[in-house]
Amino acid sequence: GVTEKLIFSVKNPAYSTLPPEGVFTNTLGLLILVFGALIFWI
């Protein structure tokens, strides 16, 4: 969902150019992934 929203919404500058919103929200995705991994390990 995060990726889909960025592709649809970040147009100027384009998501492919790594704008600040894209980098920030990609970091959010990494945090969600790490949280899930920690829960699974525990």
PDB file of all heavy atoms in Angstrom:
ATOM      1  N   GLY A   1       0.801  -1.215   0.000  1.00  0.00           N
ATOM      2  CA  GLY A   1       0.000   0.000   0.000  1.00  0.00           C
ATOM      3  C   GLY A   1       0.834   1.265   0.000  1.00  0.00           C
ATOM      4  O   GLY A   1       0.505   2.241  -0.692  1.00  0.00           O
ATOM      5  N   VAL A   2       1.924   1.267   0.770  1.00  0.00           N
ATOM      6  CA  VAL A   2       2.811   2.436   0.788  1.00  0.00           C
ATOM      7  C   VAL A   2       3.390   2.682  -0.597  1.00  0.00           C
ATOM      8  O   VAL A   2       3.394   3.820  -1.106  1.00  0.00           O
ATOM      9  CB  VAL A   2       3.931   2.226   1.824  1.00  0.00           C
ATOM     10  CG1 VAL A   2       5.020   3.278   1.652  1.00  0.00           C
ATOM     11  CG2 VAL A   2       3.369   2.287   3.238  1.00  0.00           C
ATOM     12  N   THR A   3       3.877   1.624  -1.240  1.00  0.00           N
ATOM     13  CA  THR A   3       4.453   1.768  -2.582  1.00  0.00           C
ATOM     14  C   THR A   3       3.405   2.232  -3.586  1.00  0.00           C
ATOM     15  O   THR A   3       3.668   3.113  -4.426  1.00  0.00           O
ATOM     16  CB  THR A   3       5.063   0.425  -3.037  1.00  0.00           C
ATOM     17  OG1 THR A   3       6.021  -0.001  -2.076  1.00  0.00           O
ATOM     18  CG2 THR A   3       5.725   0.571  -4.391  1.00  0.00           C
ATOM     19  N   GLU A   4       2.204   1.640  -3.507  1.00  0.00           N
ATOM     20  CA  GLU A   4       1.129   2.015  -4.432  1.00  0.00           C
ATOM     21  C   GLU A   4       0.770   3.485  -4.285  1.00  0.00           C
ATOM     22  O   GLU A   4       0.575   4.205  -5.282  1.00  0.00           O
ATOM     23  CB  GLU A   4      -0.075   1.119  -4.162  1.00  0.00           C
ATOM     24  CG  GLU A   4      -1.246   1.340  -5.086  1.00  0.00           C
ATOM     25  CD  GLU A   4      -2.402   0.416  -4.754  1.00  0.00           C
ATOM     26  OE1 GLU A   4      -2.297  -0.791  -5.049  1.00  0.00           O
ATOM     27  OE2 GLU A   4      -3.407   0.901  -4.198  1.00  0.00           O
ATOM     28  N   LYS A   5       0.670   3.966  -3.047  1.00  0.00           N
ATOM     29  CA  LYS A   5       0.314   5.360  -2.813  1.00  0.00           C
ATOM     30  C   LYS A   5       1.386   6.299  -3.346  1.00  0.00           C
ATOM     31  O   LYS A   5       1.067   7.347  -3.947  1.00  0.00           O
ATOM     32  CB  LYS A   5       0.106   5.585  -1.317  1.00  0.00           C
ATOM     33  CG  LYS A   5      -0.302   7.006  -0.946  1.00  0.00           C
ATOM     34  CD  LYS A   5      -1.613   7.394  -1.584  1.00  0.00           C
ATOM     35  CE  LYS A   5      -2.057   8.786  -1.163  1.00  0.00           C
ATOM     36  NZ  LYS A   5      -3.318   9.220  -1.838  1.00  0.00           N
ATOM     37  N   LEU A   6       2.643   5.953  -3.167  1.00  0.00           N
ATOM     38  CA  LEU A   6       3.725   6.802  -3.666  1.00  0.00           C
ATOM     39  C   LEU A   6       3.725   6.865  -5.188  1.00  0.00           C
ATOM     40  O   LEU A   6       3.926   7.929  -5.776  1.00  0.00           O
ATOM     41  CB  LEU A   6       5.072   6.286  -3.156  1.00  0.00           C
ATOM     42  CG  LEU A   6       5.343   6.478  -1.662  1.00  0.00           C
ATOM     43  CD1 LEU A   6       6.654   5.805  -1.263  1.00  0.00           C
ATOM     44  CD2 LEU A   6       5.370   7.958  -1.300  1.00  0.00           C
ATOM     45  N   ILE A   7       3.506   5.738  -5.825  1.00  0.00           N
ATOM     46  CA  ILE A   7       3.498   5.710  -7.288  1.00  0.00           C
ATOM     47  C   ILE A   7       2.354   6.564  -7.840  1.00  0.00           C
ATOM     48  O   ILE A   7       2.515   7.294  -8.830  1.00  0.00           O
ATOM     49  CB  ILE A   7       3.393   4.262  -7.802  1.00  0.00           C
ATOM     50  CG1 ILE A   7       4.680   3.498  -7.465  1.00  0.00           C
ATOM     51  CG2 ILE A   7       3.133   4.220  -9.298  1.00  0.00           C
ATOM     52  CD1 ILE A   7       4.624   2.023  -7.796  1.00  0.00           C
ATOM     53  N   PHE A   8       1.187   6.508  -7.188  1.00  0.00           N
ATOM     54  CA  PHE A   8       0.025   7.248  -7.669  1.00  0.00           C
ATOM     55  C   PHE A   8       0.115   8.747  -7.353  1.00  0.00           C
ATOM     56  O   PHE A   8      -0.389   9.566  -8.124  1.00  0.00           O
ATOM     57  CB  PHE A   8      -1.262   6.688  -7.051  1.00  0.00           C
ATOM     58  CG  PHE A   8      -1.653   5.343  -7.588  1.00  0.00           C
ATOM     59  CD1 PHE A   8      -2.570   4.559  -6.911  1.00  0.00           C
ATOM     60  CD2 PHE A   8      -1.105   4.849  -8.763  1.00  0.00           C
ATOM     61  CE1 PHE A   8      -2.955   3.315  -7.400  1.00  0.00           C
ATOM     62  CE2 PHE A   8      -1.471   3.609  -9.257  1.00  0.00           C
ATOM     63  CZ  PHE A   8      -2.393   2.839  -8.575  1.00  0.00           C
ATOM     64  N   SER A   9       0.741   9.110  -6.226  1.00  0.00           N
ATOM     65  CA  SER A   9       0.637  10.476  -5.724  1.00  0.00           C
ATOM     66  C   SER A   9       1.866  11.340  -5.965  1.00  0.00           C
ATOM     67  O   SER A   9       1.741  12.559  -6.143  1.00  0.00           O
ATOM     68  CB  SER A   9       0.327  10.447  -4.218  1.00  0.00           C
ATOM     69  OG  SER A   9      -0.868   9.745  -3.967  1.00  0.00           O
ATOM     70  N   VAL A  10       3.052  10.757  -5.936  1.00  0.00           N
ATOM     71  CA  VAL A  10       4.277  11.556  -6.065  1.00  0.00           C
ATOM     72  C   VAL A  10       4.590  11.718  -7.547  1.00  0.00           C
ATOM     73  O   VAL A  10       5.127  10.812  -8.193  1.00  0.00           O
ATOM     74  CB  VAL A  10       5.445  10.890  -5.309  1.00  0.00           C
ATOM     75  CG1 VAL A  10       6.706  11.739  -5.433  1.00  0.00           C
ATOM     76  CG2 VAL A  10       5.088  10.686  -3.845  1.00  0.00           C
ATOM     77  N   LYS A  11       4.250  12.884  -8.084  1.00  0.00           N
ATOM     78  CA  LYS A  11       4.403  13.131  -9.521  1.00  0.00           C
ATOM     79  C   LYS A  11       5.434  14.211  -9.843  1.00  0.00           C
ATOM     80  O   LYS A  11       6.133  14.128 -10.849  1.00  0.00           O
ATOM     81  CB  LYS A  11       3.047  13.554 -10.111  1.00  0.00           C
ATOM     82  CG  LYS A  11       1.940  12.511  -9.958  1.00  0.00           C
ATOM     83  CD  LYS A  11       2.233  11.266 -10.771  1.00  0.00           C
ATOM     84  CE  LYS A  11       1.073  10.280 -10.713  1.00  0.00           C
ATOM     85  NZ  LYS A  11       1.357   9.040 -11.477  1.00  0.00           N
ATOM     86  N   ASN A  12       5.516  15.237  -9.008  1.00  0.00           N
ATOM     87  CA  ASN A  12       6.394  16.359  -9.332  1.00  0.00           C
ATOM     88  C   ASN A  12       7.139  16.813  -8.071  1.00  0.00           C
ATOM     89  O   ASN A  12       6.572  17.532  -7.237  1.00  0.00           O
ATOM     90  CB  ASN A  12       5.570  17.522  -9.908  1.00  0.00           C
ATOM     91  CG  ASN A  12       6.444  18.641 -10.433  1.00  0.00           C
ATOM     92  OD1 ASN A  12       7.616  18.438 -10.745  1.00  0.00           O
ATOM     93  ND2 ASN A  12       5.875  19.837 -10.517  1.00  0.00           N
ATOM     94  N   PRO A  13       8.380  16.386  -7.883  1.00  0.00           N
ATOM     95  CA  PRO A  13       9.163  15.516  -8.775  1.00  0.00           C
ATOM     96  C   PRO A  13       8.693  14.063  -8.708  1.00  0.00           C
ATOM     97  O   PRO A  13       8.038  13.668  -7.746  1.00  0.00           O
ATOM     98  CB  PRO A  13      10.576  15.663  -8.241  1.00  0.00           C
ATOM     99  CG  PRO A  13      10.393  15.990  -6.793  1.00  0.00           C
ATOM    100  CD  PRO A  13       9.143  16.802  -6.700  1.00  0.00           C
ATOM    101  N   ALA A  14       9.041  13.299  -9.719  1.00  0.00           N
ATOM    102  CA  ALA A  14       8.574  11.924  -9.819  1.00  0.00           C
ATOM    103  C   ALA A  14       9.190  11.056  -8.735  1.00  0.00           C
ATOM    104  O   ALA A  14      10.290  11.322  -8.223  1.00  0.00           O
ATOM    105  CB  ALA A  14       8.906  11.362 -11.196  1.00  0.00           C
ATOM    106  N   TYR A  15       8.449  10.027  -8.380  1.00  0.00           N
ATOM    107  CA  TYR A  15       8.910   9.081  -7.354  1.00  0.00           C
ATOM    108  C   TYR A  15      10.243   8.452  -7.747  1.00  0.00           C
ATOM    109  O   TYR A  15      11.083   8.162  -6.885  1.00  0.00           O
ATOM    110  CB  TYR A  15       7.828   8.018  -7.150  1.00  0.00           C
ATOM    111  CG  TYR A  15       8.152   6.962  -6.126  1.00  0.00           C
ATOM    112  CD1 TYR A  15       8.815   7.261  -4.941  1.00  0.00           C
ATOM    113  CD2 TYR A  15       7.760   5.643  -6.342  1.00  0.00           C
ATOM    114  CE1 TYR A  15       9.090   6.280  -3.999  1.00  0.00           C
ATOM    115  CE2 TYR A  15       8.033   4.646  -5.402  1.00  0.00           C
ATOM    116  CZ  TYR A  15       8.697   4.968  -4.241  1.00  0.00           C
ATOM    117  OH  TYR A  15       8.978   4.002  -3.313  1.00  0.00           O
ATOM    118  N   SER A  16      10.456   8.246  -9.033  1.00  0.00           N
ATOM    119  CA  SER A  16      11.682   7.594  -9.507  1.00  0.00           C
ATOM    120  C   SER A  16      12.921   8.450  -9.292  1.00  0.00           C
ATOM    121  O   SER A  16      14.046   7.948  -9.368  1.00  0.00           O
ATOM    122  CB  SER A  16      11.551   7.250 -10.991  1.00  0.00           C
ATOM    123  OG  SER A  16      11.291   8.421 -11.757  1.00  0.00           O
ATOM    124  N   THR A  17      12.750   9.739  -9.010  1.00  0.00           N
ATOM    125  CA  THR A  17      13.897  10.625  -8.792  1.00  0.00           C
ATOM    126  C   THR A  17      14.292  10.723  -7.323  1.00  0.00           C
ATOM    127  O   THR A  17      15.120  11.558  -6.965  1.00  0.00           O
ATOM    128  CB  THR A  17      13.572  12.031  -9.319  1.00  0.00           C
ATOM    129  OG1 THR A  17      12.465  12.580  -8.581  1.00  0.00           O
ATOM    130  CG2 THR A  17      13.235  11.980 -10.808  1.00  0.00           C
ATOM    131  N   LEU A  18      13.687   9.900  -6.474  1.00  0.00           N
ATOM    132  CA  LEU A  18      13.967   9.887  -5.036  1.00  0.00           C
ATOM    133  C   LEU A  18      13.744  11.251  -4.381  1.00  0.00           C
ATOM    134  O   LEU A  18      14.650  11.832  -3.763  1.00  0.00           O
ATOM    135  CB  LEU A  18      15.399   9.411  -4.762  1.00  0.00           C
ATOM    136  CG  LEU A  18      15.699   7.937  -5.038  1.00  0.00           C
ATOM    137  CD1 LEU A  18      17.165   7.640  -4.786  1.00  0.00           C
ATOM    138  CD2 LEU A  18      14.818   7.038  -4.171  1.00  0.00           C
ATOM    139  N   PRO A  19      12.522  11.777  -4.455  1.00  0.00           N
ATOM    140  CA  PRO A  19      12.223  13.033  -3.755  1.00  0.00           C
ATOM    141  C   PRO A  19      12.200  12.799  -2.250  1.00  0.00           C
ATOM    142  O   PRO A  19      12.163  11.654  -1.776  1.00  0.00           O
ATOM    143  CB  PRO A  19      10.833  13.395  -4.288  1.00  0.00           C
ATOM    144  CG  PRO A  19      10.219  12.088  -4.630  1.00  0.00           C
ATOM    145  CD  PRO A  19      11.331  11.219  -5.126  1.00  0.00           C
ATOM    146  N   PRO A  20      12.218  13.876  -1.459  1.00  0.00           N
ATOM    147  CA  PRO A  20      12.221  13.706   0.009  1.00  0.00           C
ATOM    148  C   PRO A  20      11.059  12.864   0.526  1.00  0.00           C
ATOM    149  O   PRO A  20      11.245  12.037   1.423  1.00  0.00           O
ATOM    150  CB  PRO A  20      12.147  15.151   0.521  1.00  0.00           C
ATOM    151  CG  PRO A  20      12.750  15.969  -0.574  1.00  0.00           C
ATOM    152  CD  PRO A  20      12.376  15.283  -1.851  1.00  0.00           C
ATOM    153  N   GLU A  21       9.858  13.071  -0.019  1.00  0.00           N
ATOM    154  CA  GLU A  21       8.719  12.266   0.429  1.00  0.00           C
ATOM    155  C   GLU A  21       8.930  10.791   0.126  1.00  0.00           C
ATOM    156  O   GLU A  21       8.596   9.924   0.949  1.00  0.00           O
ATOM    157  CB  GLU A  21       7.421  12.740  -0.232  1.00  0.00           C
ATOM    158  CG  GLU A  21       6.204  11.941   0.213  1.00  0.00           C
ATOM    159  CD  GLU A  21       4.915  12.386  -0.450  1.00  0.00           C
ATOM    160  OE1 GLU A  21       4.955  13.367  -1.233  1.00  0.00           O
ATOM    161  OE2 GLU A  21       3.863  11.751  -0.186  1.00  0.00           O
ATOM    162  N   GLY A  22       9.487  10.499  -1.038  1.00  0.00           N
ATOM    163  CA  GLY A  22       9.734   9.107  -1.394  1.00  0.00           C
ATOM    164  C   GLY A  22      10.734   8.444  -0.457  1.00  0.00           C
ATOM    165  O   GLY A  22      10.523   7.312   0.004  1.00  0.00           O
ATOM    166  N   VAL A  23      11.835   9.154  -0.163  1.00  0.00           N
ATOM    167  CA  VAL A  23      12.851   8.603   0.729  1.00  0.00           C
ATOM    168  C   VAL A  23      12.283   8.429   2.134  1.00  0.00           C
ATOM    169  O   VAL A  23      12.497   7.396   2.800  1.00  0.00           O
ATOM    170  CB  VAL A  23      14.092   9.521   0.759  1.00  0.00           C
ATOM    171  CG1 VAL A  23      15.097   9.032   1.794  1.00  0.00           C
ATOM    172  CG2 VAL A  23      14.746   9.586  -0.625  1.00  0.00           C
ATOM    173  N   PHE A  24      11.524   9.432   2.602  1.00  0.00           N
ATOM    174  CA  PHE A  24      10.954   9.359   3.949  1.00  0.00           C
ATOM    175  C   PHE A  24       9.982   8.185   4.063  1.00  0.00           C
ATOM    176  O   PHE A  24      10.022   7.421   5.043  1.00  0.00           O
ATOM    177  CB  PHE A  24      10.244  10.675   4.268  1.00  0.00           C
ATOM    178  CG  PHE A  24       9.649  10.731   5.646  1.00  0.00           C
ATOM    179  CD1 PHE A  24      10.418  11.118   6.732  1.00  0.00           C
ATOM    180  CD2 PHE A  24       8.316  10.399   5.866  1.00  0.00           C
ATOM    181  CE1 PHE A  24       9.884  11.169   8.007  1.00  0.00           C
ATOM    182  CE2 PHE A  24       7.768  10.446   7.133  1.00  0.00           C
ATOM    183  CZ  PHE A  24       8.557  10.838   8.210  1.00  0.00           C
ATOM    184  N   THR A  25       9.128   8.017   3.072  1.00  0.00           N
ATOM    185  CA  THR A  25       8.120   6.965   3.151  1.00  0.00           C
ATOM    186  C   THR A  25       8.739   5.594   2.916  1.00  0.00           C
ATOM    187  O   THR A  25       8.260   4.590   3.474  1.00  0.00           O
ATOM    188  CB  THR A  25       6.995   7.232   2.134  1.00  0.00           C
ATOM    189  OG1 THR A  25       6.606   8.606   2.216  1.00  0.00           O
ATOM    190  CG2 THR A  25       5.787   6.364   2.427  1.00  0.00           C
ATOM    191  N   ASN A  26       9.782   5.509   2.101  1.00  0.00           N
ATOM    192  CA  ASN A  26      10.515   4.246   1.991  1.00  0.00           C
ATOM    193  C   ASN A  26      11.108   3.846   3.338  1.00  0.00           C
ATOM    194  O   ASN A  26      11.126   2.652   3.697  1.00  0.00           O
ATOM    195  CB  ASN A  26      11.627   4.359   0.957  1.00  0.00           C
ATOM    196  CG  ASN A  26      11.104   4.338  -0.464  1.00  0.00           C
ATOM    197  OD1 ASN A  26       9.936   4.037  -0.712  1.00  0.00           O
ATOM    198  ND2 ASN A  26      11.975   4.662  -1.423  1.00  0.00           N
ATOM    199  N   THR A  27      11.584   4.819   4.088  1.00  0.00           N
ATOM    200  CA  THR A  27      12.101   4.545   5.431  1.00  0.00           C
ATOM    201  C   THR A  27      10.992   4.023   6.337  1.00  0.00           C
ATOM    202  O   THR A  27      11.216   3.113   7.158  1.00  0.00           O
ATOM    203  CB  THR A  27      12.715   5.820   6.033  1.00  0.00           C
ATOM    204  OG1 THR A  27      13.701   6.345   5.135  1.00  0.00           O
ATOM    205  CG2 THR A  27      13.360   5.527   7.376  1.00  0.00           C
ATOM    206  N   LEU A  28       9.793   4.585   6.203  1.00  0.00           N
ATOM    207  CA  LEU A  28       8.643   4.073   6.945  1.00  0.00           C
ATOM    208  C   LEU A  28       8.412   2.600   6.625  1.00  0.00           C
ATOM    209  O   LEU A  28       8.172   1.789   7.525  1.00  0.00           O
ATOM    210  CB  LEU A  28       7.397   4.886   6.602  1.00  0.00           C
ATOM    211  CG  LEU A  28       6.053   4.298   7.037  1.00  0.00           C
ATOM    212  CD1 LEU A  28       5.975   4.159   8.546  1.00  0.00           C
ATOM    213  CD2 LEU A  28       4.897   5.154   6.513  1.00  0.00           C
ATOM    214  N   GLY A  29       8.500   2.241   5.346  1.00  0.00           N
ATOM    215  CA  GLY A  29       8.332   0.844   4.964  1.00  0.00           C
ATOM    216  C   GLY A  29       9.372  -0.059   5.602  1.00  0.00           C
ATOM    217  O   GLY A  29       9.052  -1.177   6.049  1.00  0.00           O
ATOM    218  N   LEU A  30      10.614   0.411   5.675  1.00  0.00           N
ATOM    219  CA  LEU A  30      11.660  -0.382   6.327  1.00  0.00           C
ATOM    220  C   LEU A  30      11.381  -0.556   7.813  1.00  0.00           C
ATOM    221  O   LEU A  30      11.613  -1.636   8.384  1.00  0.00           O
ATOM    222  CB  LEU A  30      13.022   0.292   6.120  1.00  0.00           C
ATOM    223  CG  LEU A  30      13.577   0.283   4.688  1.00  0.00           C
ATOM    224  CD1 LEU A  30      14.884   1.072   4.625  1.00  0.00           C
ATOM    225  CD2 LEU A  30      13.780  -1.140   4.198  1.00  0.00           C
ATOM    226  N   LEU A  31      10.870   0.481   8.462  1.00  0.00           N
ATOM    227  CA  LEU A  31      10.532   0.377   9.883  1.00  0.00           C
ATOM    228  C   LEU A  31       9.433  -0.660  10.108  1.00  0.00           C
ATOM    229  O   LEU A  31       9.507  -1.466  11.055  1.00  0.00           O
ATOM    230  CB  LEU A  31      10.089   1.739  10.418  1.00  0.00           C
ATOM    231  CG  LEU A  31      11.172   2.808  10.561  1.00  0.00           C
ATOM    232  CD1 LEU A  31      10.542   4.149  10.935  1.00  0.00           C
ATOM    233  CD2 LEU A  31      12.203   2.398  11.603  1.00  0.00           C
ATOM    234  N   ILE A  32       8.422  -0.661   9.257  1.00  0.00           N
ATOM    235  CA  ILE A  32       7.348  -1.649   9.371  1.00  0.00           C
ATOM    236  C   ILE A  32       7.903  -3.052   9.195  1.00  0.00           C
ATOM    237  O   ILE A  32       7.546  -3.983   9.934  1.00  0.00           O
ATOM    238  CB  ILE A  32       6.247  -1.353   8.336  1.00  0.00           C
ATOM    239  CG1 ILE A  32       5.562  -0.032   8.655  1.00  0.00           C
ATOM    240  CG2 ILE A  32       5.227  -2.491   8.284  1.00  0.00           C
ATOM    241  CD1 ILE A  32       4.561   0.420   7.601  1.00  0.00           C
ATOM    242  N   LEU A  33       8.790  -3.232   8.225  1.00  0.00           N
ATOM    243  CA  LEU A  33       9.382  -4.548   7.981  1.00  0.00           C
ATOM    244  C   LEU A  33      10.212  -5.014   9.173  1.00  0.00           C
ATOM    245  O   LEU A  33      10.107  -6.173   9.605  1.00  0.00           O
ATOM    246  CB  LEU A  33      10.241  -4.499   6.724  1.00  0.00           C
ATOM    247  CG  LEU A  33      10.942  -5.802   6.320  1.00  0.00           C
ATOM    248  CD1 LEU A  33       9.920  -6.886   5.990  1.00  0.00           C
ATOM    249  CD2 LEU A  33      11.872  -5.568   5.126  1.00  0.00           C
ATOM    250  N   VAL A  34      11.030  -4.135   9.734  1.00  0.00           N
ATOM    251  CA  VAL A  34      11.867  -4.492  10.879  1.00  0.00           C
ATOM    252  C   VAL A  34      10.997  -4.816  12.094  1.00  0.00           C
ATOM    253  O   VAL A  34      11.275  -5.770  12.837  1.00  0.00           O
ATOM    254  CB  VAL A  34      12.855  -3.355  11.200  1.00  0.00           C
ATOM    255  CG1 VAL A  34      13.591  -3.628  12.503  1.00  0.00           C
ATOM    256  CG2 VAL A  34      13.858  -3.198  10.060  1.00  0.00           C
ATOM    257  N   PHE A  35       9.929  -4.052  12.291  1.00  0.00           N
ATOM    258  CA  PHE A  35       9.023  -4.343  13.410  1.00  0.00           C
ATOM    259  C   PHE A  35       8.428  -5.740  13.271  1.00  0.00           C
ATOM    260  O   PHE A  35       8.398  -6.511  14.239  1.00  0.00           O
ATOM    261  CB  PHE A  35       7.910  -3.300  13.457  1.00  0.00           C
ATOM    262  CG  PHE A  35       6.863  -3.573  14.505  1.00  0.00           C
ATOM    263  CD1 PHE A  35       7.130  -3.353  15.847  1.00  0.00           C
ATOM    264  CD2 PHE A  35       5.605  -4.056  14.152  1.00  0.00           C
ATOM    265  CE1 PHE A  35       6.174  -3.608  16.823  1.00  0.00           C
ATOM    266  CE2 PHE A  35       4.649  -4.315  15.111  1.00  0.00           C
ATOM    267  CZ  PHE A  35       4.928  -4.088  16.446  1.00  0.00           C
ATOM    268  N   GLY A  36       7.969  -6.076  12.081  1.00  0.00           N
ATOM    269  CA  GLY A  36       7.424  -7.413  11.866  1.00  0.00           C
ATOM    270  C   GLY A  36       8.445  -8.502  12.123  1.00  0.00           C
ATOM    271  O   GLY A  36       8.135  -9.538  12.723  1.00  0.00           O
ATOM    272  N   ALA A  37       9.685  -8.279  11.674  1.00  0.00           N
ATOM    273  CA  ALA A  37      10.734  -9.278  11.877  1.00  0.00           C
ATOM    274  C   ALA A  37      11.029  -9.471  13.359  1.00  0.00           C
ATOM    275  O   ALA A  37      11.239 -10.603  13.828  1.00  0.00           O
ATOM    276  CB  ALA A  37      11.995  -8.844  11.131  1.00  0.00           C
ATOM    277  N   LEU A  38      11.061  -8.384  14.127  1.00  0.00           N
ATOM    278  CA  LEU A  38      11.313  -8.486  15.571  1.00  0.00           C
ATOM    279  C   LEU A  38      10.199  -9.239  16.282  1.00  0.00           C
ATOM    280  O   LEU A  38      10.450 -10.075  17.164  1.00  0.00           O
ATOM    281  CB  LEU A  38      11.480  -7.084  16.163  1.00  0.00           C
ATOM    282  CG  LEU A  38      12.764  -6.336  15.781  1.00  0.00           C
ATOM    283  CD1 LEU A  38      12.699  -4.885  16.262  1.00  0.00           C
ATOM    284  CD2 LEU A  38      13.987  -7.020  16.347  1.00  0.00           C
ATOM    285  N   ILE A  39       8.960  -8.966  15.908  1.00  0.00           N
ATOM    286  CA  ILE A  39       7.831  -9.668  16.520  1.00  0.00           C
ATOM    287  C   ILE A  39       7.908 -11.157  16.208  1.00  0.00           C
ATOM    288  O   ILE A  39       7.711 -12.010  17.103  1.00  0.00           O
ATOM    289  CB  ILE A  39       6.495  -9.064  16.037  1.00  0.00           C
ATOM    290  CG1 ILE A  39       6.345  -7.629  16.534  1.00  0.00           C
ATOM    291  CG2 ILE A  39       5.324  -9.920  16.516  1.00  0.00           C
ATOM    292  CD1 ILE A  39       6.309  -7.478  18.030  1.00  0.00           C
ATOM    293  N   PHE A  40       8.202 -11.496  14.976  1.00  0.00           N
ATOM    294  CA  PHE A  40       8.305 -12.904  14.597  1.00  0.00           C
ATOM    295  C   PHE A  40       9.414 -13.596  15.375  1.00  0.00           C
ATOM    296  O   PHE A  40       9.265 -14.747  15.804  1.00  0.00           O
ATOM    297  CB  PHE A  40       8.555 -13.035  13.088  1.00  0.00           C
ATOM    298  CG  PHE A  40       7.305 -13.207  12.290  1.00  0.00           C
ATOM    299  CD1 PHE A  40       6.718 -12.126  11.655  1.00  0.00           C
ATOM    300  CD2 PHE A  40       6.706 -14.448  12.162  1.00  0.00           C
ATOM    301  CE1 PHE A  40       5.563 -12.271  10.910  1.00  0.00           C
ATOM    302  CE2 PHE A  40       5.547 -14.610  11.428  1.00  0.00           C
ATOM    303  CZ  PHE A  40       4.970 -13.519  10.789  1.00  0.00           C
ATOM    304  N   TRP A  41      10.542 -12.930  15.556  1.00  0.00           N
ATOM    305  CA  TRP A  41      11.659 -13.551  16.276  1.00  0.00           C
ATOM    306  C   TRP A  41      11.292 -13.770  17.744  1.00  0.00           C
ATOM    307  O   TRP A  41      11.567 -14.832  18.307  1.00  0.00           O
ATOM    308  CB  TRP A  41      12.907 -12.678  16.173  1.00  0.00           C
ATOM    309  CG  TRP A  41      14.102 -13.304  16.819  1.00  0.00           C
ATOM    310  CD1 TRP A  41      14.598 -13.064  18.065  1.00  0.00           C
ATOM    311  CD2 TRP A  41      14.951 -14.318  16.256  1.00  0.00           C
ATOM    312  NE1 TRP A  41      15.701 -13.827  18.323  1.00  0.00           N
ATOM    313  CE2 TRP A  41      15.939 -14.614  17.222  1.00  0.00           C
ATOM    314  CE3 TRP A  41      14.971 -14.977  15.033  1.00  0.00           C
ATOM    315  CZ2 TRP A  41      16.935 -15.558  16.995  1.00  0.00           C
ATOM    316  CZ3 TRP A  41      15.971 -15.918  14.806  1.00  0.00           C
ATOM    317  CH2 TRP A  41      16.932 -16.199  15.781  1.00  0.00           C
ATOM    318  N   ILE A  42      10.671 -12.778  18.375  1.00  0.00           N
ATOM    319  CA  ILE A  42      10.316 -12.905  19.785  1.00  0.00           C
ATOM    320  C   ILE A  42       9.319 -14.040  20.001  1.00  0.00           C
ATOM    321  O   ILE A  42       9.457 -14.839  20.930  1.00  0.00           O
ATOM    322  CB  ILE A  42       9.743 -11.575  20.311  1.00  0.00           C
ATOM    323  CG1 ILE A  42      10.838 -10.501  20.375  1.00  0.00           C
ATOM    324  CG2 ILE A  42       9.125 -11.754  21.696  1.00  0.00           C
ATOM    325  CD1 ILE A  42      10.333  -9.113  20.723  1.00  0.00           C
TER     326      ILE A  42
END
